[in-house]
Amino acid sequence: MSDPSEPPEMPEIRVDHIGIAVHEVADAEPLLDLLGAEKLVHEEDPTNSFRWAYYLLGDASRVELLEPVADDSSFLTDFLAENGPGMHHVTLEVADMDAAISALEAEDIRVVDRTDYDEWAEAFVSPRNPTGVLWQLMEYHESFSDGRPAPERLYIGGERLSE
């Protein structure tokens, strides 16, 4: 039996990708091409407020470009208006979203905007933390790879942490 005074243990976790906000993927993509990146996915998010393009860079690095779908106000248009193009977030893949959130909250780290989709779950660590970085926590579900590149190309190390 675990000791209730002990904080919950953080599940397996790894850096999945960095997210970069851009006005248009087409304008930023030539640089990624020069760097040798290979586009794996370019699709609209489930909320229809932005598109994301996901790139493989080397054997274990991923970069994501985020572009607004319309000029309507969204987190992304607000970010671009305030900061211009640039790094938006760092995504950490977690093996167990519930356990990761519990471990963070036990240490008074604020986790916000949890959303569970069919293909993945995500939550964000508020940038009002000691690093000042917006951290996205992501747990891939089995169906994430449906209709996307093969898992060995899509995931770091070829498989989801939660497998």
N, C-alpha and C. Protein backbone atom coordinates (compact mmCIF):
# COMPACT_ATOMS: atom_id res chain seq x y z
N MET A 1 0.84 -1.17 0.00
CA MET A 1 0.00 0.00 0.00
C MET A 1 0.89 1.23 0.00
N SER A 2 0.52 2.24 -0.82
CA SER A 2 1.36 3.43 -0.91
C SER A 2 1.10 4.37 0.26
N ASP A 3 2.11 5.14 0.56
CA ASP A 3 2.04 6.11 1.65
C ASP A 3 1.32 7.36 1.15
N PRO A 4 0.16 7.72 1.75
CA PRO A 4 -0.60 8.88 1.26
C PRO A 4 0.15 10.19 1.42
N SER A 5 1.20 10.23 2.25
CA SER A 5 1.97 11.46 2.40
C SER A 5 3.00 11.63 1.28
N GLU A 6 3.25 10.56 0.56
CA GLU A 6 4.17 10.60 -0.58
C GLU A 6 3.45 11.17 -1.80
N PRO A 7 4.08 12.09 -2.53
CA PRO A 7 3.43 12.61 -3.74
C PRO A 7 3.29 11.51 -4.79
N PRO A 8 2.27 11.60 -5.64
CA PRO A 8 2.13 10.60 -6.70
C PRO A 8 3.36 10.58 -7.59
N GLU A 9 3.67 9.43 -8.11
CA GLU A 9 4.83 9.28 -8.98
C GLU A 9 4.50 9.73 -10.39
N MET A 10 5.43 10.45 -11.02
CA MET A 10 5.25 10.88 -12.41
C MET A 10 5.41 9.66 -13.31
N PRO A 11 4.45 9.46 -14.24
CA PRO A 11 4.58 8.33 -15.17
C PRO A 11 5.70 8.60 -16.17
N GLU A 12 6.00 7.61 -16.98
CA GLU A 12 7.01 7.79 -18.01
C GLU A 12 6.64 9.00 -18.87
N ILE A 13 7.65 9.77 -19.24
CA ILE A 13 7.42 11.03 -19.95
C ILE A 13 8.61 11.31 -20.86
N ARG A 14 8.37 11.97 -21.99
CA ARG A 14 9.46 12.35 -22.88
C ARG A 14 9.03 13.56 -23.72
N VAL A 15 10.01 14.28 -24.22
CA VAL A 15 9.72 15.40 -25.11
C VAL A 15 9.23 14.81 -26.43
N ASP A 16 8.08 15.26 -26.88
CA ASP A 16 7.52 14.80 -28.15
C ASP A 16 7.83 15.78 -29.28
N HIS A 17 7.54 17.05 -29.05
CA HIS A 17 7.83 18.06 -30.08
C HIS A 17 7.78 19.46 -29.49
N ILE A 18 8.29 20.41 -30.27
CA ILE A 18 8.10 21.81 -29.93
C ILE A 18 7.09 22.37 -30.92
N GLY A 19 6.23 23.26 -30.43
CA GLY A 19 5.23 23.89 -31.27
C GLY A 19 5.62 25.33 -31.55
N ILE A 20 5.59 25.70 -32.81
CA ILE A 20 5.97 27.03 -33.26
C ILE A 20 4.77 27.67 -33.93
N ALA A 21 4.38 28.84 -33.45
CA ALA A 21 3.26 29.59 -34.03
C ALA A 21 3.75 30.36 -35.25
N VAL A 22 3.02 30.25 -36.35
CA VAL A 22 3.34 30.97 -37.59
C VAL A 22 2.06 31.52 -38.17
N HIS A 23 2.20 32.55 -39.00
CA HIS A 23 1.01 33.08 -39.68
C HIS A 23 0.54 32.11 -40.75
N GLU A 24 1.51 31.53 -41.49
CA GLU A 24 1.18 30.54 -42.52
C GLU A 24 2.28 29.49 -42.59
N VAL A 25 1.88 28.24 -42.57
CA VAL A 25 2.83 27.14 -42.68
C VAL A 25 3.64 27.27 -43.97
N ALA A 26 2.98 27.63 -45.06
CA ALA A 26 3.66 27.71 -46.36
C ALA A 26 4.85 28.67 -46.33
N ASP A 27 4.79 29.71 -45.51
CA ASP A 27 5.90 30.66 -45.42
C ASP A 27 7.05 30.11 -44.59
N ALA A 28 6.77 29.29 -43.61
CA ALA A 28 7.80 28.77 -42.71
C ALA A 28 8.38 27.44 -43.21
N GLU A 29 7.62 26.72 -43.98
CA GLU A 29 8.03 25.37 -44.40
C GLU A 29 9.34 25.31 -45.19
N PRO A 30 9.65 26.29 -46.04
CA PRO A 30 10.93 26.20 -46.76
C PRO A 30 12.15 26.10 -45.84
N LEU A 31 12.11 26.78 -44.69
CA LEU A 31 13.22 26.66 -43.75
C LEU A 31 13.31 25.24 -43.21
N LEU A 32 12.17 24.66 -42.85
CA LEU A 32 12.19 23.28 -42.36
C LEU A 32 12.69 22.32 -43.44
N ASP A 33 12.31 22.58 -44.70
CA ASP A 33 12.82 21.77 -45.81
C ASP A 33 14.35 21.85 -45.88
N LEU A 34 14.89 23.07 -45.76
CA LEU A 34 16.34 23.25 -45.80
C LEU A 34 17.03 22.52 -44.65
N LEU A 35 16.35 22.46 -43.51
CA LEU A 35 16.91 21.77 -42.35
C LEU A 35 16.77 20.25 -42.45
N GLY A 36 16.12 19.78 -43.51
CA GLY A 36 15.97 18.34 -43.72
C GLY A 36 14.74 17.73 -43.06
N ALA A 37 13.80 18.57 -42.65
CA ALA A 37 12.58 18.06 -42.01
C ALA A 37 11.66 17.44 -43.05
N GLU A 38 10.94 16.44 -42.63
CA GLU A 38 9.96 15.77 -43.49
C GLU A 38 8.57 15.94 -42.89
N LYS A 39 7.66 16.51 -43.68
CA LYS A 39 6.30 16.71 -43.19
C LYS A 39 5.60 15.36 -43.08
N LEU A 40 5.04 15.10 -41.90
CA LEU A 40 4.30 13.87 -41.66
C LEU A 40 2.80 14.09 -41.71
N VAL A 41 2.34 15.22 -41.19
CA VAL A 41 0.90 15.49 -41.05
C VAL A 41 0.68 16.98 -41.25
N HIS A 42 -0.43 17.33 -41.89
CA HIS A 42 -0.90 18.73 -41.95
C HIS A 42 -2.42 18.66 -41.96
N GLU A 43 -3.01 19.02 -40.83
CA GLU A 43 -4.45 18.89 -40.71
C GLU A 43 -5.02 19.92 -39.76
N GLU A 44 -6.32 20.07 -39.80
CA GLU A 44 -7.01 21.00 -38.92
C GLU A 44 -7.28 20.35 -37.57
N ASP A 45 -7.20 21.17 -36.53
CA ASP A 45 -7.46 20.63 -35.21
C ASP A 45 -8.96 20.40 -35.02
N PRO A 46 -9.34 19.60 -34.03
CA PRO A 46 -10.77 19.29 -33.84
C PRO A 46 -11.66 20.49 -33.54
N THR A 47 -11.08 21.61 -33.08
CA THR A 47 -11.89 22.79 -32.79
C THR A 47 -12.03 23.72 -33.99
N ASN A 48 -11.35 23.40 -35.07
CA ASN A 48 -11.38 24.19 -36.31
C ASN A 48 -10.86 25.61 -36.13
N SER A 49 -9.96 25.82 -35.17
CA SER A 49 -9.41 27.17 -34.99
C SER A 49 -7.99 27.30 -35.52
N PHE A 50 -7.32 26.17 -35.77
CA PHE A 50 -5.97 26.23 -36.34
C PHE A 50 -5.67 24.94 -37.08
N ARG A 51 -4.62 25.00 -37.89
CA ARG A 51 -4.06 23.81 -38.55
C ARG A 51 -2.69 23.57 -37.95
N TRP A 52 -2.33 22.31 -37.89
CA TRP A 52 -1.00 21.96 -37.41
C TRP A 52 -0.31 21.07 -38.43
N ALA A 53 0.95 21.35 -38.63
CA ALA A 53 1.79 20.54 -39.51
C ALA A 53 2.89 19.96 -38.63
N TYR A 54 3.09 18.68 -38.75
CA TYR A 54 4.00 17.94 -37.87
C TYR A 54 5.14 17.40 -38.73
N TYR A 55 6.37 17.63 -38.30
CA TYR A 55 7.55 17.30 -39.08
C TYR A 55 8.49 16.40 -38.30
N LEU A 56 9.08 15.47 -39.01
CA LEU A 56 10.15 14.62 -38.49
C LEU A 56 11.46 15.31 -38.84
N LEU A 57 12.33 15.47 -37.85
CA LEU A 57 13.62 16.11 -38.06
C LEU A 57 14.67 15.21 -37.44
N GLY A 58 15.39 14.49 -38.25
CA GLY A 58 16.34 13.50 -37.73
C GLY A 58 15.59 12.26 -37.28
N ASP A 59 16.21 11.48 -36.41
CA ASP A 59 15.60 10.20 -36.03
C ASP A 59 14.72 10.29 -34.79
N ALA A 60 14.78 11.39 -34.04
CA ALA A 60 13.98 11.44 -32.81
C ALA A 60 13.47 12.83 -32.49
N SER A 61 13.51 13.75 -33.43
CA SER A 61 13.05 15.11 -33.17
C SER A 61 11.81 15.41 -34.00
N ARG A 62 10.89 16.13 -33.38
CA ARG A 62 9.67 16.52 -34.06
C ARG A 62 9.47 18.02 -33.85
N VAL A 63 8.95 18.69 -34.88
CA VAL A 63 8.61 20.10 -34.84
C VAL A 63 7.18 20.22 -35.34
N GLU A 64 6.41 21.08 -34.72
CA GLU A 64 5.03 21.32 -35.13
C GLU A 64 4.89 22.80 -35.46
N LEU A 65 4.32 23.10 -36.62
CA LEU A 65 3.97 24.47 -36.97
C LEU A 65 2.47 24.62 -36.79
N LEU A 66 2.05 25.71 -36.15
CA LEU A 66 0.64 26.00 -35.91
C LEU A 66 0.27 27.26 -36.67
N GLU A 67 -0.78 27.20 -37.48
CA GLU A 67 -1.24 28.38 -38.21
C GLU A 67 -2.73 28.57 -37.97
N PRO A 68 -3.17 29.83 -37.82
CA PRO A 68 -4.60 30.07 -37.62
C PRO A 68 -5.38 29.69 -38.88
N VAL A 69 -6.61 29.23 -38.69
CA VAL A 69 -7.47 28.89 -39.82
C VAL A 69 -8.13 30.15 -40.37
N ALA A 70 -8.53 31.05 -39.50
CA ALA A 70 -9.21 32.27 -39.91
C ALA A 70 -8.69 33.42 -39.05
N ASP A 71 -9.11 34.61 -39.40
CA ASP A 71 -8.70 35.79 -38.63
C ASP A 71 -9.48 35.93 -37.33
N ASP A 72 -10.45 35.06 -37.11
CA ASP A 72 -11.23 35.12 -35.88
C ASP A 72 -10.29 35.00 -34.68
N SER A 73 -10.66 35.66 -33.62
CA SER A 73 -9.84 35.63 -32.41
C SER A 73 -9.78 34.22 -31.84
N SER A 74 -8.58 33.77 -31.57
CA SER A 74 -8.34 32.48 -30.94
C SER A 74 -7.05 32.60 -30.14
N PHE A 75 -6.72 31.58 -29.39
CA PHE A 75 -5.46 31.61 -28.63
C PHE A 75 -4.29 31.86 -29.56
N LEU A 76 -4.36 31.33 -30.79
CA LEU A 76 -3.24 31.43 -31.71
C LEU A 76 -3.16 32.82 -32.35
N THR A 77 -4.29 33.37 -32.78
CA THR A 77 -4.26 34.73 -33.35
C THR A 77 -3.84 35.73 -32.27
N ASP A 78 -4.30 35.52 -31.04
CA ASP A 78 -3.90 36.39 -29.94
C ASP A 78 -2.39 36.29 -29.69
N PHE A 79 -1.87 35.07 -29.69
CA PHE A 79 -0.45 34.86 -29.48
C PHE A 79 0.36 35.55 -30.57
N LEU A 80 -0.04 35.35 -31.83
CA LEU A 80 0.69 35.95 -32.95
C LEU A 80 0.62 37.48 -32.91
N ALA A 81 -0.53 38.02 -32.56
CA ALA A 81 -0.67 39.48 -32.47
C ALA A 81 0.23 40.05 -31.39
N GLU A 82 0.35 39.35 -30.28
CA GLU A 82 1.14 39.85 -29.16
C GLU A 82 2.63 39.59 -29.32
N ASN A 83 2.99 38.41 -29.87
CA ASN A 83 4.39 37.99 -29.89
C ASN A 83 5.00 37.84 -31.28
N GLY A 84 4.17 37.74 -32.31
CA GLY A 84 4.68 37.40 -33.63
C GLY A 84 5.00 35.92 -33.69
N PRO A 85 5.49 35.45 -34.83
CA PRO A 85 5.83 34.03 -34.96
C PRO A 85 6.92 33.65 -33.96
N GLY A 86 6.85 32.42 -33.49
CA GLY A 86 7.88 31.95 -32.58
C GLY A 86 7.44 30.75 -31.78
N MET A 87 8.32 30.31 -30.89
CA MET A 87 8.01 29.14 -30.09
C MET A 87 6.76 29.38 -29.24
N HIS A 88 5.86 28.44 -29.31
CA HIS A 88 4.60 28.55 -28.58
C HIS A 88 4.56 27.62 -27.37
N HIS A 89 4.97 26.36 -27.56
CA HIS A 89 4.89 25.39 -26.46
C HIS A 89 5.87 24.25 -26.67
N VAL A 90 6.08 23.51 -25.61
CA VAL A 90 6.85 22.26 -25.66
C VAL A 90 5.88 21.15 -25.26
N THR A 91 5.79 20.13 -26.10
CA THR A 91 4.88 19.02 -25.82
C THR A 91 5.63 17.85 -25.22
N LEU A 92 5.11 17.38 -24.11
CA LEU A 92 5.63 16.20 -23.44
C LEU A 92 4.63 15.07 -23.59
N GLU A 93 5.08 13.97 -24.15
CA GLU A 93 4.21 12.79 -24.21
C GLU A 93 4.27 12.11 -22.86
N VAL A 94 3.10 11.79 -22.33
CA VAL A 94 3.03 11.09 -21.04
C VAL A 94 2.37 9.73 -21.25
N ALA A 95 2.79 8.77 -20.46
CA ALA A 95 2.22 7.43 -20.56
C ALA A 95 0.84 7.36 -19.93
N ASP A 96 0.57 8.25 -18.97
CA ASP A 96 -0.70 8.21 -18.25
C ASP A 96 -1.06 9.65 -17.84
N MET A 97 -2.02 10.23 -18.55
CA MET A 97 -2.39 11.63 -18.32
C MET A 97 -2.86 11.87 -16.90
N ASP A 98 -3.74 11.01 -16.39
CA ASP A 98 -4.26 11.20 -15.04
C ASP A 98 -3.14 11.20 -13.99
N ALA A 99 -2.22 10.27 -14.13
CA ALA A 99 -1.11 10.18 -13.17
C ALA A 99 -0.19 11.41 -13.28
N ALA A 100 0.06 11.87 -14.50
CA ALA A 100 0.91 13.04 -14.68
C ALA A 100 0.29 14.28 -14.05
N ILE A 101 -1.00 14.49 -14.29
CA ILE A 101 -1.69 15.64 -13.71
C ILE A 101 -1.69 15.55 -12.19
N SER A 102 -1.96 14.37 -11.66
CA SER A 102 -1.95 14.19 -10.19
C SER A 102 -0.59 14.53 -9.60
N ALA A 103 0.47 14.07 -10.24
CA ALA A 103 1.82 14.33 -9.73
C ALA A 103 2.15 15.81 -9.77
N LEU A 104 1.75 16.50 -10.84
CA LEU A 104 2.02 17.94 -10.94
C LEU A 104 1.20 18.72 -9.92
N GLU A 105 -0.08 18.41 -9.84
CA GLU A 105 -0.95 19.14 -8.92
C GLU A 105 -0.57 18.89 -7.46
N ALA A 106 -0.02 17.73 -7.16
CA ALA A 106 0.44 17.45 -5.79
C ALA A 106 1.58 18.39 -5.39
N GLU A 107 2.27 18.93 -6.39
CA GLU A 107 3.37 19.87 -6.13
C GLU A 107 2.94 21.31 -6.42
N ASP A 108 1.61 21.53 -6.47
CA ASP A 108 1.04 22.87 -6.69
C ASP A 108 1.40 23.47 -8.05
N ILE A 109 1.57 22.62 -9.04
CA ILE A 109 1.77 23.08 -10.42
C ILE A 109 0.39 23.11 -11.07
N ARG A 110 0.03 24.26 -11.63
CA ARG A 110 -1.30 24.45 -12.20
C ARG A 110 -1.41 23.83 -13.59
N VAL A 111 -2.33 22.88 -13.73
CA VAL A 111 -2.62 22.24 -15.01
C VAL A 111 -3.99 22.73 -15.46
N VAL A 112 -4.05 23.20 -16.71
CA VAL A 112 -5.27 23.82 -17.24
C VAL A 112 -5.68 23.18 -18.57
N ASP A 113 -6.90 23.44 -18.95
CA ASP A 113 -7.41 23.10 -20.28
C ASP A 113 -7.22 21.64 -20.68
N ARG A 114 -7.61 20.73 -19.82
CA ARG A 114 -7.56 19.32 -20.20
C ARG A 114 -8.70 19.04 -21.16
N THR A 115 -8.36 18.34 -22.25
CA THR A 115 -9.35 17.93 -23.24
C THR A 115 -9.04 16.50 -23.64
N ASP A 116 -10.08 15.69 -23.71
CA ASP A 116 -9.94 14.31 -24.17
C ASP A 116 -10.62 14.17 -25.52
N TYR A 117 -9.84 13.86 -26.53
CA TYR A 117 -10.35 13.59 -27.87
C TYR A 117 -10.31 12.08 -28.08
N ASP A 118 -10.92 11.61 -29.15
CA ASP A 118 -10.88 10.18 -29.44
C ASP A 118 -9.45 9.69 -29.65
N GLU A 119 -8.62 10.53 -30.30
CA GLU A 119 -7.29 10.10 -30.69
C GLU A 119 -6.18 10.46 -29.70
N TRP A 120 -6.45 11.41 -28.80
CA TRP A 120 -5.45 11.80 -27.81
C TRP A 120 -6.10 12.58 -26.68
N ALA A 121 -5.36 12.72 -25.61
CA ALA A 121 -5.76 13.59 -24.50
C ALA A 121 -4.66 14.62 -24.35
N GLU A 122 -5.06 15.84 -23.97
CA GLU A 122 -4.05 16.88 -23.77
C GLU A 122 -4.44 17.76 -22.59
N ALA A 123 -3.44 18.35 -22.01
CA ALA A 123 -3.62 19.33 -20.94
C ALA A 123 -2.40 20.23 -20.99
N PHE A 124 -2.50 21.37 -20.35
CA PHE A 124 -1.41 22.34 -20.40
C PHE A 124 -1.00 22.75 -19.00
N VAL A 125 0.31 22.88 -18.81
CA VAL A 125 0.84 23.45 -17.59
C VAL A 125 0.93 24.94 -17.84
N SER A 126 0.24 25.71 -17.03
CA SER A 126 0.22 27.15 -17.19
C SER A 126 1.65 27.69 -17.29
N PRO A 127 1.87 28.66 -18.19
CA PRO A 127 3.21 29.24 -18.28
C PRO A 127 3.58 30.09 -17.06
N ARG A 128 2.64 30.24 -16.15
CA ARG A 128 2.94 30.93 -14.89
C ARG A 128 3.58 29.93 -13.92
N ASN A 129 4.63 29.29 -14.42
CA ASN A 129 5.41 28.35 -13.63
C ASN A 129 6.85 28.84 -13.64
N PRO A 130 7.72 28.25 -12.86
CA PRO A 130 9.09 28.77 -12.77
C PRO A 130 9.87 28.81 -14.09
N THR A 131 9.46 28.04 -15.11
CA THR A 131 10.17 28.07 -16.39
C THR A 131 9.62 29.13 -17.33
N GLY A 132 8.38 29.57 -17.11
CA GLY A 132 7.75 30.53 -18.02
C GLY A 132 7.31 29.91 -19.34
N VAL A 133 7.42 28.59 -19.46
CA VAL A 133 7.09 27.87 -20.70
C VAL A 133 5.69 27.27 -20.60
N LEU A 134 4.95 27.33 -21.70
CA LEU A 134 3.70 26.60 -21.81
C LEU A 134 4.05 25.16 -22.18
N TRP A 135 3.75 24.26 -21.26
CA TRP A 135 4.02 22.83 -21.47
C TRP A 135 2.70 22.16 -21.83
N GLN A 136 2.68 21.45 -22.93
CA GLN A 136 1.52 20.65 -23.31
C GLN A 136 1.82 19.21 -22.90
N LEU A 137 0.90 18.60 -22.17
CA LEU A 137 0.98 17.18 -21.86
C LEU A 137 0.10 16.47 -22.87
N MET A 138 0.58 15.39 -23.44
CA MET A 138 -0.19 14.68 -24.45
C MET A 138 -0.07 13.19 -24.23
N GLU A 139 -1.22 12.53 -24.24
CA GLU A 139 -1.24 11.07 -24.19
C GLU A 139 -1.90 10.60 -25.47
N TYR A 140 -1.13 9.91 -26.30
CA TYR A 140 -1.67 9.38 -27.55
C TYR A 140 -2.55 8.18 -27.26
N HIS A 141 -3.68 8.10 -27.94
CA HIS A 141 -4.52 6.91 -27.88
C HIS A 141 -4.21 6.04 -29.08
N GLU A 142 -4.62 4.81 -29.02
CA GLU A 142 -4.31 3.84 -30.09
C GLU A 142 -4.74 4.34 -31.47
N SER A 143 -5.87 5.01 -31.56
CA SER A 143 -6.40 5.43 -32.86
C SER A 143 -5.67 6.64 -33.46
N PHE A 144 -4.73 7.26 -32.75
CA PHE A 144 -4.04 8.44 -33.28
C PHE A 144 -3.36 8.15 -34.60
N SER A 145 -2.80 6.98 -34.76
CA SER A 145 -2.06 6.67 -35.99
C SER A 145 -2.96 6.29 -37.16
N ASP A 146 -4.26 6.12 -36.93
CA ASP A 146 -5.16 5.77 -38.03
C ASP A 146 -5.16 6.88 -39.08
N GLY A 147 -4.81 6.52 -40.31
CA GLY A 147 -4.81 7.48 -41.41
C GLY A 147 -3.61 8.42 -41.41
N ARG A 148 -2.65 8.16 -40.53
CA ARG A 148 -1.43 8.97 -40.46
C ARG A 148 -0.24 8.06 -40.78
N PRO A 149 0.97 8.62 -40.88
CA PRO A 149 2.14 7.78 -41.17
C PRO A 149 2.29 6.64 -40.17
N ALA A 150 3.04 5.64 -40.57
CA ALA A 150 3.26 4.46 -39.74
C ALA A 150 3.81 4.86 -38.37
N PRO A 151 3.41 4.15 -37.31
CA PRO A 151 3.86 4.49 -35.95
C PRO A 151 5.36 4.65 -35.81
N GLU A 152 6.15 3.85 -36.52
CA GLU A 152 7.60 3.97 -36.37
C GLU A 152 8.13 5.32 -36.85
N ARG A 153 7.35 6.04 -37.67
CA ARG A 153 7.73 7.37 -38.11
C ARG A 153 7.01 8.46 -37.31
N LEU A 154 5.82 8.14 -36.85
CA LEU A 154 4.97 9.11 -36.19
C LEU A 154 5.37 9.37 -34.74
N TYR A 155 5.79 8.32 -34.04
CA TYR A 155 6.10 8.43 -32.62
C TYR A 155 7.60 8.36 -32.38
N ILE A 156 8.04 9.04 -31.33
CA ILE A 156 9.44 8.94 -30.92
C ILE A 156 9.70 7.48 -30.54
N GLY A 157 10.71 6.89 -31.10
CA GLY A 157 11.03 5.50 -30.80
C GLY A 157 10.07 4.50 -31.43
N GLY A 158 9.14 4.97 -32.27
CA GLY A 158 8.27 4.08 -33.01
C GLY A 158 7.01 3.60 -32.32
N GLU A 159 6.82 3.97 -31.05
CA GLU A 159 5.59 3.56 -30.38
C GLU A 159 5.20 4.57 -29.30
N ARG A 160 3.93 4.56 -28.98
CA ARG A 160 3.40 5.43 -27.93
C ARG A 160 3.92 4.98 -26.58
N LEU A 161 4.08 5.92 -25.66
CA LEU A 161 4.48 5.54 -24.30
C LEU A 161 3.43 4.69 -23.62
N SER A 162 2.17 4.92 -23.97
CA SER A 162 1.09 4.21 -23.30
C SER A 162 0.85 2.81 -23.85
N GLU A 163 1.70 2.36 -24.77
CA GLU A 163 1.53 1.01 -25.31
C GLU A 163 2.09 -0.02 -24.35
